[in-house]
Protein backbone atom coordinates (compact mmCIF):
# COMPACT_ATOMS: atom_id res chain seq x y z
CA UNK A 1 58.78 72.76 -4.71
CA UNK A 2 62.12 74.01 -3.72
CA UNK A 3 63.80 70.54 -4.77
CA UNK A 4 61.85 70.24 -7.91
CA UNK A 5 62.99 73.77 -8.92
CA UNK A 6 66.64 73.00 -8.35
CA UNK A 7 66.55 69.81 -10.30
CA UNK A 8 64.62 71.42 -13.43
CA UNK A 9 67.68 74.10 -13.36
CA UNK A 10 70.23 71.45 -12.99
CA UNK A 11 68.69 69.35 -15.91
CA UNK A 12 68.61 72.54 -18.12
CA UNK A 13 72.39 73.39 -17.49
CA UNK A 14 73.35 69.99 -18.01
CA UNK A 15 71.60 69.85 -21.24
CA UNK A 16 73.20 72.85 -22.35
CA UNK A 17 76.41 71.37 -22.02
CA UNK A 18 75.49 67.90 -23.63
CA UNK A 19 78.39 68.08 -25.65
CA UNK A 20 80.34 66.87 -22.77
CA UNK A 21 80.27 63.12 -22.71
CA UNK A 22 79.82 61.70 -19.15
CA UNK A 23 82.61 59.49 -19.71
CA UNK A 24 85.09 62.39 -19.84
CA UNK A 25 86.98 63.20 -16.84
CA UNK A 26 85.62 66.51 -15.35
CA UNK A 27 88.04 69.24 -14.38
CA UNK A 28 88.77 69.48 -10.65
CA UNK A 29 88.15 72.54 -8.53
CA UNK A 30 89.48 74.44 -5.37
CA UNK A 31 87.53 76.22 -3.26
CA UNK A 32 87.76 79.80 -1.99
CA UNK A 33 85.86 82.10 0.45
CA UNK A 34 85.91 85.56 -1.37
CA UNK A 35 85.37 88.64 0.64
CA UNK A 36 83.17 91.15 -0.45
CA UNK A 37 83.18 94.92 0.39
CA UNK A 38 81.03 94.60 3.57
CA UNK A 39 83.24 91.66 4.82
CA UNK A 40 80.66 88.95 3.51
CA UNK A 41 82.36 85.75 2.22
CA UNK A 42 80.96 84.02 -0.80
CA UNK A 43 81.94 80.16 -1.46
CA UNK A 44 83.57 80.37 -4.72
CA UNK A 45 85.06 77.14 -6.76
CA UNK A 46 87.82 77.81 -9.23
CA UNK A 47 88.55 75.41 -12.28
CA UNK A 48 91.40 75.51 -14.52
CA UNK A 49 92.45 74.09 -18.26
CA UNK A 50 94.43 70.93 -17.92
CA UNK A 51 98.34 71.75 -17.97
CA UNK A 52 97.61 75.57 -17.64
CA UNK A 53 100.97 77.53 -18.34
CA UNK A 54 99.80 80.97 -18.59
CA UNK A 55 97.47 83.67 -17.27
CA UNK A 56 94.32 83.18 -18.89
CA UNK A 57 90.65 84.95 -19.49
CA UNK A 58 87.99 83.60 -16.86
CA UNK A 59 84.47 82.77 -17.40
CA UNK A 60 82.34 83.67 -14.25
CA UNK A 61 78.98 81.87 -13.23
CA UNK A 62 77.12 83.16 -10.24
CA UNK A 63 74.72 80.68 -9.07
CA UNK A 64 71.76 80.99 -7.14
CA UNK A 65 70.84 77.24 -7.45
CA UNK A 66 73.96 75.74 -5.52
CA UNK A 67 77.35 75.51 -7.25
CA UNK A 68 77.64 71.64 -5.47
CA UNK A 69 74.36 70.71 -7.09
CA UNK A 70 74.08 67.23 -8.59
CA UNK A 71 72.24 66.21 -11.87
CA UNK A 72 71.96 62.50 -12.92
CA UNK A 73 74.93 61.60 -10.61
CA UNK A 74 76.94 64.56 -12.05
CA UNK A 75 78.11 68.05 -10.53
CA UNK A 76 76.58 70.16 -13.07
CA UNK A 77 78.95 73.04 -12.29
CA UNK A 78 81.81 70.80 -13.46
CA UNK A 79 80.11 69.90 -16.53
CA UNK A 80 79.35 73.53 -17.47
CA UNK A 81 83.03 74.34 -16.46
CA UNK A 82 84.61 71.63 -18.72
CA UNK A 83 83.00 73.41 -21.85
CA UNK A 84 85.02 76.36 -20.84
CA UNK A 85 88.24 74.78 -19.43
CA UNK A 86 88.48 72.79 -22.60
CA UNK A 87 88.83 75.81 -24.60
CA UNK A 88 91.50 77.53 -22.40
CA UNK A 89 89.24 79.43 -19.83
CA UNK A 90 89.57 79.58 -16.03
CA UNK A 91 86.13 79.06 -14.84
CA UNK A 92 84.78 80.71 -11.55
CA UNK A 93 81.38 79.55 -10.20
CA UNK A 94 80.16 80.94 -6.87
CA UNK A 95 77.20 80.74 -4.93
CA UNK A 96 75.44 83.78 -4.33
CA UNK A 97 74.98 85.76 -0.84
CA UNK A 98 73.12 83.77 1.62
CA UNK A 99 72.76 80.53 -0.83
CA UNK A 100 74.23 77.21 0.24
CA UNK A 101 77.84 77.46 0.90
CA UNK A 102 78.17 81.34 1.29
CA UNK A 103 77.74 83.39 4.03
CA UNK A 104 75.41 86.61 4.48
CA UNK A 105 71.49 86.71 3.83
CA UNK A 106 69.94 86.34 0.42
CA UNK A 107 67.95 89.64 -0.51
CA UNK A 108 66.61 88.14 -3.92
CA UNK A 109 69.23 89.86 -6.17
CA UNK A 110 69.39 92.75 -4.46
CA UNK A 111 73.24 92.65 -3.60
CA UNK A 112 74.30 91.58 -7.09
CA UNK A 113 73.49 94.60 -8.91
CA UNK A 114 74.53 98.53 -8.49
CA UNK A 115 73.14 98.91 -5.18
CA UNK A 116 75.46 99.71 -1.69
CA UNK A 117 76.72 95.74 -2.01
CA UNK A 118 77.99 94.90 -5.30
CA UNK A 119 78.83 91.28 -5.12
CA UNK A 120 79.36 90.79 -8.90
CA UNK A 121 81.71 93.76 -9.28
CA UNK A 122 83.74 92.49 -6.17
CA UNK A 123 83.91 89.00 -7.25
CA UNK A 124 85.60 90.28 -10.76
CA UNK A 125 87.76 92.66 -8.92
CA UNK A 126 89.02 89.50 -6.85
CA UNK A 127 89.30 87.18 -10.06
CA UNK A 128 91.36 90.25 -11.75
CA UNK A 129 93.96 89.94 -8.80
CA UNK A 130 94.61 86.61 -9.22
CA UNK A 131 98.17 85.19 -10.74
CA UNK A 132 96.05 82.89 -13.30
CA UNK A 133 93.96 86.08 -14.57
CA UNK A 134 94.81 88.07 -17.47
CA UNK A 135 92.20 90.62 -16.54
CA UNK A 136 89.77 89.61 -19.15
CA UNK A 137 86.39 88.54 -17.65
CA UNK A 138 83.19 86.88 -19.29
CA UNK A 139 79.93 85.95 -17.45
CA UNK A 140 77.71 82.95 -18.26
CA UNK A 141 74.10 82.44 -17.30
CA UNK A 142 70.57 81.19 -17.94
CA UNK A 143 67.65 82.15 -15.76
CA UNK A 144 68.32 83.47 -12.35
CA UNK A 145 72.21 82.92 -13.20
CA UNK A 146 71.68 85.13 -16.30
CA UNK A 147 69.98 87.87 -13.96
CA UNK A 148 73.15 87.70 -11.71
CA UNK A 149 75.08 88.48 -14.96
CA UNK A 150 73.12 91.22 -16.08
CA UNK A 151 73.49 92.80 -12.68
CA UNK A 152 77.31 92.31 -12.88
CA UNK A 153 77.04 94.37 -16.31
CA UNK A 154 74.99 96.96 -14.46
CA UNK A 155 77.64 97.50 -11.93
CA UNK A 156 80.19 98.63 -14.74
CA UNK A 157 83.50 96.69 -13.77
CA UNK A 158 85.59 97.48 -16.76
CA UNK A 159 87.33 94.12 -16.97
CA UNK A 160 83.77 92.52 -17.52
CA UNK A 161 84.13 92.21 -21.32
CA UNK A 162 81.58 89.73 -22.57
CA UNK A 163 78.42 88.01 -21.15
CA UNK A 164 76.28 85.40 -22.60
CA UNK A 165 72.74 85.42 -21.27
CA UNK A 166 69.64 83.35 -21.76
CA UNK A 167 66.06 83.92 -20.85
CA UNK A 168 66.48 86.36 -17.81
CA UNK A 169 65.40 89.76 -16.51
CA UNK A 170 67.46 93.02 -16.83
CA UNK A 171 65.12 95.41 -15.37
CA UNK A 172 63.43 93.40 -12.30
CA UNK A 173 60.77 95.77 -11.32
CA UNK A 174 59.27 95.64 -14.89
CA UNK A 175 60.39 92.49 -16.07
CA UNK A 176 59.89 90.28 -13.10
CA UNK A 177 58.08 91.56 -10.00
CA UNK A 178 55.86 94.53 -11.03
CA UNK A 179 55.18 94.88 -14.69
CA UNK A 180 52.98 97.68 -15.13
CA UNK A 181 53.00 98.32 -11.33
CA UNK A 182 50.81 95.10 -11.13
CA UNK A 183 52.35 92.22 -8.87
CA UNK A 184 53.25 89.12 -10.68
CA UNK A 185 51.72 86.86 -8.19
CA UNK A 186 52.22 83.40 -9.33
CA UNK A 187 55.80 84.05 -10.43
CA UNK A 188 56.88 85.73 -7.55
CA UNK A 189 55.37 83.94 -4.74
CA UNK A 190 56.09 80.45 -6.06
CA UNK A 191 59.78 81.26 -6.93
CA UNK A 192 60.52 83.22 -3.78
CA UNK A 193 59.15 80.50 -1.67
CA UNK A 194 60.89 77.83 -3.51
CA UNK A 195 64.30 79.67 -2.74
CA UNK A 196 63.21 79.25 1.27
CA UNK A 197 62.59 82.94 1.51
CA UNK A 198 58.93 83.56 1.70
CA UNK A 199 59.83 85.69 4.58
CA UNK A 200 61.24 87.86 2.07
CA UNK A 201 58.01 88.65 0.20
CA UNK A 202 56.52 91.36 2.48
CA UNK A 203 60.14 93.20 1.64
CA UNK A 204 59.10 93.31 -2.08
CA UNK A 205 55.71 94.23 -1.59
CA UNK A 206 57.18 97.19 0.56
CA UNK A 207 58.38 98.33 -2.98
CA UNK A 208 55.48 98.23 -4.89
CA UNK A 209 56.45 101.27 -6.59
CA UNK A 210 59.43 101.54 -8.27
CA UNK A 211 62.20 103.26 -6.21
CA UNK A 212 65.94 103.05 -5.27
CA UNK A 213 65.55 99.66 -4.17
CA UNK A 214 64.51 98.50 -8.13
CA UNK A 215 66.98 101.21 -9.59
CA UNK A 216 69.77 98.98 -8.31
CA UNK A 217 68.61 96.39 -10.49
CA UNK A 218 67.52 98.06 -13.39
CA UNK A 219 70.24 97.59 -16.38
CA UNK A 220 68.56 100.35 -18.41
CA UNK A 221 69.42 103.04 -16.04
CA UNK A 222 73.19 101.87 -15.56
CA UNK A 223 73.77 101.16 -19.37
CA UNK A 224 75.95 104.32 -19.85
CA UNK A 225 78.71 103.03 -17.27
CA UNK A 226 78.46 99.17 -18.83
CA UNK A 227 81.38 97.85 -20.72
CA UNK A 228 80.35 94.68 -21.79
CA UNK A 229 79.55 92.98 -24.76
CA UNK A 230 76.66 90.81 -24.26
CA UNK A 231 75.02 88.01 -26.37
CA UNK A 232 71.37 88.13 -25.21
CA UNK A 233 69.57 85.00 -26.21
CA UNK A 234 65.53 84.86 -25.24
CA UNK A 235 62.47 83.37 -26.35
CA UNK A 236 58.96 85.08 -27.23
CA UNK A 237 57.11 83.00 -24.81
CA UNK A 238 59.48 83.27 -21.99
CA UNK A 239 58.60 84.62 -18.63
CA UNK A 240 61.20 87.31 -18.80
CA UNK A 241 61.45 88.06 -22.72
CA UNK A 242 61.42 91.79 -22.06
CA UNK A 243 64.85 91.35 -20.41
CA UNK A 244 66.39 90.34 -23.76
CA UNK A 245 64.79 92.83 -25.90
CA UNK A 246 65.52 95.99 -23.46
CA UNK A 247 68.73 94.73 -22.31
CA UNK A 248 69.81 94.72 -25.80
CA UNK A 249 68.34 98.11 -26.76
CA UNK A 250 69.64 99.79 -23.65
CA UNK A 251 73.25 98.42 -24.25
CA UNK A 252 73.53 98.61 -27.97
CA UNK A 253 72.23 102.09 -27.96
CA UNK A 254 73.39 103.79 -24.93
CA UNK A 255 76.22 101.70 -23.40
CA UNK A 256 79.79 102.68 -22.75
CA UNK A 257 82.86 101.87 -24.28
CA UNK A 258 82.91 98.44 -25.17
CA UNK A 259 78.88 98.09 -25.02
CA UNK A 260 77.42 100.56 -27.31
CA UNK A 261 76.93 99.20 -30.86
CA UNK A 262 78.56 95.62 -29.66
CA UNK A 263 75.71 93.66 -28.77
CA UNK A 264 74.00 90.71 -30.31
CA UNK A 265 70.60 89.39 -29.69
CA UNK A 266 68.77 86.08 -30.71
CA UNK A 267 65.06 85.71 -30.12
CA UNK A 268 63.36 82.66 -30.86
CA UNK A 269 59.58 81.07 -30.24
CA UNK A 270 60.71 79.47 -27.11
CA UNK A 271 59.63 79.54 -23.39
CA UNK A 272 61.37 78.97 -20.20
CA UNK A 273 60.68 75.41 -20.28
CA UNK A 274 62.55 74.93 -23.26
CA UNK A 275 63.10 75.17 -27.40
CA UNK A 276 61.05 72.47 -28.63
CA UNK A 277 58.72 72.91 -31.63
CA UNK A 278 55.78 72.39 -29.33
CA UNK A 279 55.04 75.73 -27.40
CA UNK A 280 51.57 75.65 -25.78
CA UNK A 281 48.94 75.10 -28.36
CA UNK A 282 51.43 75.94 -31.27
CA UNK A 283 53.78 73.79 -33.13
CA UNK A 284 56.24 75.24 -35.21
CA UNK A 285 58.40 73.48 -38.08
CA UNK A 286 61.83 71.97 -37.51
CA UNK A 287 63.76 75.23 -38.05
CA UNK A 288 62.34 76.65 -34.89
CA UNK A 289 65.58 75.94 -32.90
CA UNK A 290 68.48 76.27 -35.00
CA UNK A 291 70.72 77.50 -32.26
CA UNK A 292 73.78 76.00 -30.32
CA UNK A 293 73.73 77.56 -26.91
CA UNK A 294 77.14 76.49 -25.61
CA UNK A 295 78.74 76.42 -29.00
CA UNK A 296 77.50 79.88 -29.48
CA UNK A 297 78.90 80.93 -26.01
CA UNK A 298 82.45 79.61 -26.84
CA UNK A 299 82.26 81.37 -29.96
CA UNK A 300 81.24 84.48 -28.36
CA UNK A 301 83.87 84.60 -25.66
CA UNK A 302 86.51 83.50 -27.95
CA UNK A 303 85.93 86.64 -30.19
CA UNK A 304 85.42 89.20 -27.38
CA UNK A 305 87.99 87.92 -24.78
CA UNK A 306 90.66 86.25 -26.63
CA UNK A 307 90.25 88.04 -30.09
CA UNK A 308 90.04 84.90 -32.20
CA UNK A 309 87.98 85.21 -35.27
CA UNK A 310 84.73 83.11 -34.98
CA UNK A 311 81.37 82.87 -36.63
CA UNK A 312 79.43 85.60 -34.60
CA UNK A 313 81.93 88.18 -36.09
CA UNK A 314 79.96 88.04 -39.34
CA UNK A 315 76.34 87.73 -37.94
CA UNK A 316 73.85 90.57 -37.87
CA UNK A 317 73.23 92.11 -34.60
CA UNK A 318 69.50 90.83 -34.33
CA UNK A 319 68.37 87.39 -35.48
CA UNK A 320 64.86 86.81 -34.62
CA UNK A 321 62.15 84.35 -35.25
CA UNK A 322 59.12 85.64 -37.21
CA UNK A 323 56.44 83.43 -35.89
CA UNK A 324 53.50 82.03 -38.09
CA UNK A 325 50.53 80.03 -37.88
CA UNK A 326 50.80 76.70 -36.31
CA UNK A 327 52.25 73.71 -38.38
CA UNK A 328 52.64 75.99 -41.16
CA UNK A 329 56.01 76.01 -42.90
CA UNK A 330 54.66 77.76 -46.30
CA UNK A 331 53.20 80.82 -45.10
CA UNK A 332 54.50 84.50 -44.50
CA UNK A 333 55.89 83.37 -41.00
CA UNK A 334 57.94 80.69 -39.42
CA UNK A 335 61.01 82.15 -40.33
CA UNK A 336 64.31 83.41 -39.12
CA UNK A 337 65.21 87.17 -40.15
CA UNK A 338 68.20 89.60 -39.65
CA UNK A 339 68.15 93.19 -38.31
CA UNK A 340 70.83 95.72 -37.54
CA UNK A 341 68.75 97.04 -34.51
CA UNK A 342 65.63 96.14 -32.42
CA UNK A 343 63.09 96.81 -33.19
CA UNK A 344 64.18 96.52 -37.09
CA UNK A 345 64.37 99.74 -38.67
CA UNK A 346 61.68 98.85 -41.18
CA UNK A 347 59.12 98.53 -37.89
CA UNK A 348 56.49 101.20 -37.99
CA UNK A 349 53.67 101.51 -35.42
CA UNK A 350 50.24 101.14 -36.56
CA UNK A 351 47.12 102.06 -34.66
CA UNK A 352 44.35 99.17 -34.80
CA UNK A 353 40.99 101.15 -33.28
CA UNK A 354 38.63 99.53 -31.00
CA UNK A 355 34.85 100.17 -31.53
CA UNK A 356 31.96 99.70 -29.61
CA UNK A 357 30.55 96.98 -31.94
CA UNK A 358 33.46 95.02 -31.08
CA UNK A 359 35.53 95.60 -34.35
CA UNK A 360 39.11 96.37 -34.85
CA UNK A 361 39.94 98.46 -37.53
CA UNK A 362 42.99 100.69 -39.21
CA UNK A 363 40.25 103.27 -39.92
CA UNK A 364 40.70 106.08 -37.24
CA UNK A 365 37.47 107.17 -35.74
CA UNK A 366 35.88 110.18 -36.89
CA UNK A 367 33.04 110.89 -34.13
CA UNK A 368 31.87 109.92 -30.62
CA UNK A 369 31.48 106.25 -30.72
CA UNK A 370 30.27 105.42 -27.29
CA UNK A 371 31.65 103.01 -24.56
CA UNK A 372 31.36 99.65 -23.39
CA UNK A 373 31.33 98.69 -19.50
CA UNK A 374 31.67 95.46 -17.56
CA UNK A 375 31.85 94.61 -13.82
CA UNK A 376 35.11 93.38 -12.42
CA UNK A 377 34.77 91.44 -9.33
CA UNK A 378 38.42 90.65 -7.70
CA UNK A 379 36.38 87.67 -5.92
CA UNK A 380 36.04 85.87 -9.51
CA UNK A 381 39.14 87.10 -11.67
CA UNK A 382 39.60 86.29 -15.08
CA UNK A 383 41.70 82.85 -14.78
CA UNK A 384 45.12 82.73 -16.35
CA UNK A 385 45.13 80.68 -19.48
CA UNK A 386 48.65 80.26 -20.84
CA UNK A 387 51.03 82.93 -21.28
CA UNK A 388 54.78 84.38 -20.32
CA UNK A 389 54.83 82.23 -17.23
CA UNK A 390 57.31 80.25 -15.24
CA UNK A 391 54.56 77.75 -14.07
CA UNK A 392 51.91 76.01 -16.08
CA UNK A 393 50.10 76.82 -17.86
CA UNK A 394 52.75 78.66 -20.23
CA UNK A 395 52.95 79.69 -23.88
CA UNK A 396 50.22 80.34 -26.52
CA UNK A 397 46.80 79.00 -25.91
CA UNK A 398 43.34 78.87 -26.93
CA UNK A 399 41.65 81.40 -24.85
CA UNK A 400 37.88 81.24 -26.25
CA UNK A 401 36.72 79.83 -22.74
CA UNK A 402 37.99 83.01 -21.15
CA UNK A 403 36.87 85.33 -23.83
CA UNK A 404 33.00 84.24 -23.36
CA UNK A 405 33.40 85.59 -19.84
CA UNK A 406 31.25 89.07 -19.38
CA UNK A 407 34.15 90.68 -18.04
CA UNK A 408 36.16 90.25 -20.93
CA UNK A 409 35.72 92.82 -24.08
CA UNK A 410 36.95 91.49 -27.41
CA UNK A 411 37.90 93.49 -30.23
CA UNK A 412 38.60 91.64 -33.70
CA UNK A 413 39.49 92.55 -37.53
CA UNK A 414 37.84 90.96 -40.31
CA UNK A 415 39.80 87.77 -41.63
CA UNK A 416 43.03 89.32 -43.31
CA UNK A 417 43.17 89.53 -47.01
CA UNK A 418 46.89 89.62 -46.73
CA UNK A 419 49.43 88.71 -44.29
CA UNK A 420 50.17 91.40 -41.41
CA UNK A 421 53.75 91.09 -39.83
CA UNK A 422 54.89 92.66 -36.55
CA UNK A 423 58.27 92.86 -35.27
CA UNK A 424 58.72 94.83 -31.80
CA UNK A 425 56.76 96.22 -28.96
CA UNK A 426 52.92 95.68 -28.74
CA UNK A 427 50.96 97.98 -26.61
CA UNK A 428 47.40 99.14 -26.10
CA UNK A 429 46.44 102.58 -25.61
CA UNK A 430 43.33 102.72 -23.65
CA UNK A 431 40.80 105.36 -22.67
CA UNK A 432 38.76 104.10 -19.39
CA UNK A 433 37.30 104.86 -16.30
CA UNK A 434 36.47 103.06 -13.22
CA UNK A 435 33.64 103.39 -10.25
CA UNK A 436 36.65 102.36 -7.93
CA UNK A 437 39.64 104.24 -6.71
CA UNK A 438 41.88 101.71 -8.06
CA UNK A 439 41.78 98.77 -10.68
CA UNK A 440 43.59 97.13 -13.12
CA UNK A 441 43.33 97.08 -16.76
CA UNK A 442 44.68 94.11 -18.67
CA UNK A 443 45.06 93.45 -22.43
CA UNK A 444 45.77 90.12 -24.71
CA UNK A 445 46.98 89.81 -28.12
CA UNK A 446 45.32 86.97 -29.81
CA UNK A 447 45.89 85.18 -33.16
CA UNK A 448 42.27 83.85 -34.52
CA UNK A 449 42.47 81.00 -36.81
CA UNK A 450 39.98 80.35 -39.58
CA UNK A 451 38.48 77.50 -37.44
CA UNK A 452 37.74 80.14 -34.47
CA UNK A 453 40.77 79.28 -32.31
CA UNK A 454 41.82 82.54 -30.73
CA UNK A 455 45.44 81.98 -29.66
CA UNK A 456 47.17 84.22 -27.09
CA UNK A 457 50.44 85.79 -28.13
CA UNK A 458 51.26 88.26 -25.42
CA UNK A 459 49.13 89.79 -22.79
CA UNK A 460 49.96 92.71 -19.98
CA UNK A 461 48.30 94.86 -17.41
CA UNK A 462 48.48 98.14 -15.99
CA UNK A 463 47.63 99.14 -12.26
CA UNK A 464 45.46 102.25 -12.70
CA UNK A 465 46.98 104.05 -9.93
CA UNK A 466 50.63 103.70 -11.66
CA UNK A 467 49.01 105.01 -15.12
CA UNK A 468 51.20 108.16 -14.96
CA UNK A 469 54.58 106.66 -13.31
CA UNK A 470 55.24 103.61 -11.56
CA UNK A 471 57.50 105.84 -9.13
CA UNK A 472 54.22 107.07 -7.78
CA UNK A 473 50.57 105.95 -6.81
CA UNK A 474 47.76 108.31 -8.13
CA UNK A 475 44.64 106.96 -7.16
CA UNK A 476 41.36 107.32 -9.55
CA UNK A 477 38.60 109.92 -9.36
CA UNK A 478 35.68 107.45 -10.03
CA UNK A 479 33.97 108.06 -12.96
CA UNK A 480 36.85 110.28 -14.63
CA UNK A 481 38.64 109.06 -17.82
CA UNK A 482 41.99 108.31 -18.16
CA UNK A 483 44.27 107.38 -20.89
CA UNK A 484 46.14 104.11 -19.88
CA UNK A 485 48.96 102.46 -21.72
CA UNK A 486 49.31 98.69 -21.40
CA UNK A 487 52.65 97.28 -22.39
CA UNK A 488 52.27 93.70 -23.64
CA UNK A 489 56.04 93.61 -24.28
CA UNK A 490 57.82 92.64 -27.56
CA UNK A 491 57.18 89.70 -30.30
CA UNK A 492 57.58 89.04 -33.82
CA UNK A 493 54.76 87.39 -35.70
CA UNK A 494 52.91 86.97 -39.09
CA UNK A 495 49.22 86.89 -38.90
CA UNK A 496 48.34 84.88 -41.99
CA UNK A 497 46.02 85.40 -44.63
CA UNK A 498 42.54 84.46 -43.63
CA UNK A 499 43.20 84.76 -39.71
CA UNK A 500 42.19 87.95 -37.68
CA UNK A 501 43.98 90.14 -35.04
CA UNK A 502 42.16 90.24 -31.75
CA UNK A 503 42.58 92.19 -28.49
CA UNK A 504 40.92 91.33 -25.55
CA UNK A 505 40.23 93.98 -22.76
CA UNK A 506 39.60 93.19 -19.02
CA UNK A 507 40.62 93.80 -15.49
CA UNK A 508 42.43 90.63 -14.26
CA UNK A 509 44.48 87.89 -15.05
CA UNK A 510 44.82 85.53 -12.14
CA UNK A 511 47.04 84.35 -10.88
CA UNK A 512 49.73 85.55 -13.29
CA UNK A 513 48.76 89.06 -12.01
CA UNK A 514 47.44 89.73 -8.31
CA UNK A 515 43.90 90.63 -8.43
CA UNK A 516 43.30 94.19 -7.64
CA UNK A 517 41.09 94.54 -4.68
CA UNK A 518 39.58 98.02 -6.33
CA UNK A 519 39.97 99.66 -2.83
CA UNK A 520 43.12 101.73 -3.25
CA UNK A 521 44.95 99.79 -0.83
CA UNK A 522 48.72 99.22 -1.56
CA UNK A 523 49.61 95.71 -2.94
CA UNK A 524 48.78 92.57 -0.66
CA UNK A 525 47.56 94.89 2.20
CA UNK A 526 43.83 94.49 1.88
CA UNK A 527 41.51 91.68 2.50
CA UNK A 528 38.56 93.95 1.68
CA UNK A 529 37.42 93.49 -2.15
CA UNK A 530 35.16 95.84 -4.09
CA UNK A 531 33.33 95.20 -7.23
CA UNK A 532 34.25 97.64 -10.13
CA UNK A 533 32.25 98.88 -12.81
CA UNK A 534 34.89 99.61 -15.56
CA UNK A 535 34.34 101.39 -18.80
CA UNK A 536 36.14 101.50 -22.18
CA UNK A 537 35.71 104.39 -24.49
CA UNK A 538 35.92 104.96 -28.20
CA UNK A 539 35.78 107.50 -30.76
CA UNK A 540 37.94 110.63 -32.22
CA UNK A 541 38.31 112.02 -28.61
CA UNK A 542 39.12 108.87 -26.90
CA UNK A 543 40.62 106.63 -29.59
CA UNK A 544 41.20 103.23 -27.69
CA UNK A 545 43.42 101.36 -29.94
CA UNK A 546 45.91 98.45 -30.09
CA UNK A 547 49.56 99.62 -31.49
CA UNK A 548 51.27 96.99 -33.45
CA UNK A 549 54.84 97.25 -34.85
CA UNK A 550 54.11 96.53 -38.60
CA UNK A 551 56.94 95.38 -40.91
CA UNK A 552 57.00 94.82 -44.75
CA UNK A 553 57.14 91.22 -45.87
CA UNK A 554 58.70 91.97 -49.31
């Protein structure tokens, strides 16, 4: 698994640098052991432009996957470096702490952010002290390498002027490990194990509630001290899509000097496995890619580090793909739109109310409308079928097979007479109770096609004990009714005429999320499992609703 993961990342990086012909001579590098504030030394390669004669800006890449990795017989780092050295940049590529040639112990991004050890900050400081540096630094990275970039931005070094990040988390508790307080089992266990750090999983579980451990890895908290103009590139079906939308918002609205109002974001209909037309059970028209990741990165750095006018100077702060029906190039969706902010200024939250008869409607309830119950058995959880995952199955999928289960409640609008477009954050406000001390509630947004296909778009979960705050656990009083908010993250989609909007409510989505044992025990600490009878309520006093960020198509 570890070898396969490294190979996939290497191939992805190589494909991003496809403009570099393999017959061209790759730049040589020198290796340095760079000392961090606690004395740990990190292996660091430095590449220079051919015939350098002056101080220059630097592109830093902090690599969790081996700076010496080889893909198709080529050292991947050299291919990436050449993209930038050909444009007059020095390039620094570093193995992160405890990884490959670097000393120390790998603590899964803990030392990359704003904690006691700040390896990104210290490496940037080292760069600025070299006689070849002009003091301006940019960072480039995708996936885990993008996380190390975001974490360095959070550390607030004033020399980090620009960054280009692709499909990565910016708040590691919410975006990666415990969204809604629910442990993201498949992603975390498989990825951490692939890094050779299965022994670290108990440490992560010890921090099932948000605390200072995660605060150091939360860009949003540290945005006011960030000075970096970041180009955020993400995908609506990416495993960490919230990293881009939330990272952009935090820096664009609350960043420090050099960051506030100086962000750019592109969100496309992509997953972590690529930018192809086919994503899960949806096929997009040929306009779905329409980006040049490495070309855009060079243009971004030329503008922000060199002050050279480029195409990025005249584009909107946000460019996003409004998805539509599969294979439809003439409907309301499947087109690119621009906005000055995220969500777009015209986005308005509209409540679609759940009803006991399975209907979903904009009409507010006027009286007591009853409740629906189901039994959630953690020994027989609802199986994951697609979604924002790193490992298959990924992306939008026809989920009718799971909607037929007795522990899944579906609420659906009538076929739409006119399209409904959304752009922004999707969430569910749920009034519910449980017979257990703790349980989960899950929600899934689906686009229902005229032929009956129910295609998943987003999903999310809330661990009941974290309904008030992820900082503390508050167990349930069995039978008492509470209000829960389930965050499904952000998207942009046009539900076409003749389609229906559906939301599915349940209490599991396994193994995407760990199945709650319903005992009230902490994450992963209890093998006892209890069946919970969970009830969802409706009506004027308990208005369970799907909240959609509706935009005008005019």
